[in-house]
Each structure stands twice: as C-alpha cells, then as structure tokens.
Amino acid sequence: MTKVDTARNRIYLATEVKACNLPIRVRAVRTTATITVTVIGSPRPKNKMCPDYVRPKKGYVQLRRPIGNRKIVHAPTHESPGPVTR
C-alpha cells in the first residue's frame, strides 16, 4: 500500500510483480477497527518457463463506505509491505 485517500475512500497499491504471477484480484476485509487488504496473484503455469523479470503495477481498492479512523492492514506475506501515507 502506498497511500490512503479518505476523501475518495481509496487505498492505493503499488508493487513489482513477476512475469508469470500477475495480480488478478484484491480483497478488502473490513471490521469496525481495521481494513485488511489482500492481493491475490495468478497461479504460476505448470510445465512452463517464466521470464525472469519484474514490472511495476499500480492500482487502488475502492471502498463503498468511509475509511474513517480504521487501521489499514496488509495481509501477511513473505515480504514486508512498504510505507502507507494518508
């Protein structure tokens, strides 16, 4: 996550993705205290070589209800997320 826009109810995301593992879905689980964001990638093709490069991807999660003072949480991954700014 890179930025939270409380006026537009958006959480902006940025990452680098590997050639064969593209983000295909974003899930936001909301509670009264938190919003947990999960990016789900495509499965790596079986028996197929993947190019060895990464490329930047940007996007956002549009929420229906106001973010308010809820804490934005990145779903657990094997990598640490970057800083979030409001």
Protein backbone atom coordinates (compact mmCIF):
# COMPACT_ATOMS: atom_id res chain seq x y z
CA MET A 1 0.00 0.00 0.00
CA THR A 2 1.31 3.40 -0.80
CA LYS A 3 -1.43 5.88 0.05
CA VAL A 4 -4.85 6.12 1.69
CA ASP A 5 -7.29 8.70 0.31
CA THR A 6 -10.03 9.17 2.91
CA ALA A 7 -11.89 11.74 0.77
CA ARG A 8 -12.37 9.22 -2.08
CA ASN A 9 -12.41 6.08 0.12
CA ARG A 10 -9.50 4.58 -1.81
CA ILE A 11 -6.44 2.60 -0.81
CA TYR A 12 -3.70 2.93 -3.42
CA LEU A 13 -1.41 -0.03 -4.04
CA ALA A 14 1.95 -0.38 -5.78
CA THR A 15 4.20 -3.39 -6.18
CA GLU A 16 6.52 -5.21 -8.54
CA VAL A 17 5.20 -8.46 -9.98
CA LYS A 18 6.95 -11.37 -11.62
CA ALA A 19 6.13 -12.10 -15.26
CA CYS A 20 4.05 -15.23 -14.56
CA ASN A 21 2.37 -14.14 -11.34
CA LEU A 22 0.07 -11.23 -12.08
CA PRO A 23 -2.36 -9.76 -9.55
CA ILE A 24 -5.86 -10.86 -10.51
CA ARG A 25 -7.97 -9.90 -7.52
CA VAL A 26 -7.86 -7.64 -4.49
CA ARG A 27 -9.84 -8.37 -1.36
CA ALA A 28 -10.56 -5.90 1.45
CA VAL A 29 -11.90 -7.37 4.69
CA ARG A 30 -13.47 -4.65 6.80
CA THR A 31 -14.17 -4.55 10.52
CA THR A 32 -15.02 -1.62 12.75
CA ALA A 33 -11.32 -1.23 13.64
CA THR A 34 -9.37 -2.38 10.54
CA ILE A 35 -9.36 -2.87 6.78
CA THR A 36 -7.15 -5.80 5.73
CA VAL A 37 -6.06 -5.73 2.09
CA THR A 38 -5.06 -8.93 0.28
CA VAL A 39 -3.75 -9.06 -3.30
CA ILE A 40 -4.28 -12.45 -4.92
CA GLY A 41 -1.99 -13.40 -7.79
CA SER A 42 -2.46 -15.78 -10.68
CA PRO A 43 -1.01 -19.26 -10.22
CA ARG A 44 2.31 -19.96 -11.90
CA PRO A 45 1.71 -22.07 -15.03
CA LYS A 46 2.73 -25.71 -14.69
CA ASN A 47 5.43 -27.05 -17.00
CA LYS A 48 6.08 -23.59 -18.46
CA MET A 49 9.12 -21.36 -18.22
CA CYS A 50 8.53 -17.87 -16.88
CA PRO A 51 10.60 -14.90 -17.99
CA ASP A 52 12.88 -13.70 -15.22
CA TYR A 53 11.79 -10.08 -14.91
CA VAL A 54 9.51 -7.96 -12.76
CA ARG A 55 7.41 -4.99 -13.67
CA PRO A 56 5.72 -2.32 -11.60
CA LYS A 57 1.96 -2.47 -11.10
CA LYS A 58 -0.25 0.19 -9.55
CA GLY A 59 -3.92 0.27 -8.70
CA TYR A 60 -6.37 1.01 -5.94
CA VAL A 61 -9.14 -0.52 -3.87
CA GLN A 62 -12.36 1.47 -3.98
CA LEU A 63 -14.33 1.13 -0.74
CA ARG A 64 -18.09 1.69 -0.55
CA ARG A 65 -18.05 3.12 2.97
CA PRO A 66 -15.81 5.75 4.58
CA ILE A 67 -12.41 4.61 5.83
CA GLY A 68 -12.63 6.83 8.89
CA ASN A 69 -10.06 6.08 11.58
CA ARG A 70 -9.75 2.37 10.79
CA LYS A 71 -6.23 0.98 10.60
CA ILE A 72 -5.16 -0.25 7.14
CA VAL A 73 -3.50 -3.68 7.39
CA HIS A 74 -1.58 -5.54 4.70
CA ALA A 75 -2.41 -9.24 4.67
CA PRO A 76 0.51 -11.43 5.80
CA THR A 77 3.04 -12.21 3.06
CA HIS A 78 6.62 -13.39 2.86
CA GLU A 79 7.71 -9.81 2.17
CA SER A 80 7.24 -6.70 4.27
CA PRO A 81 4.97 -4.03 2.78
CA GLY A 82 6.15 -0.51 2.04
CA PRO A 83 5.09 2.60 3.99
CA VAL A 84 1.49 3.81 3.96
CA THR A 85 0.75 7.53 3.86
CA ARG A 86 -2.58 9.25 4.43
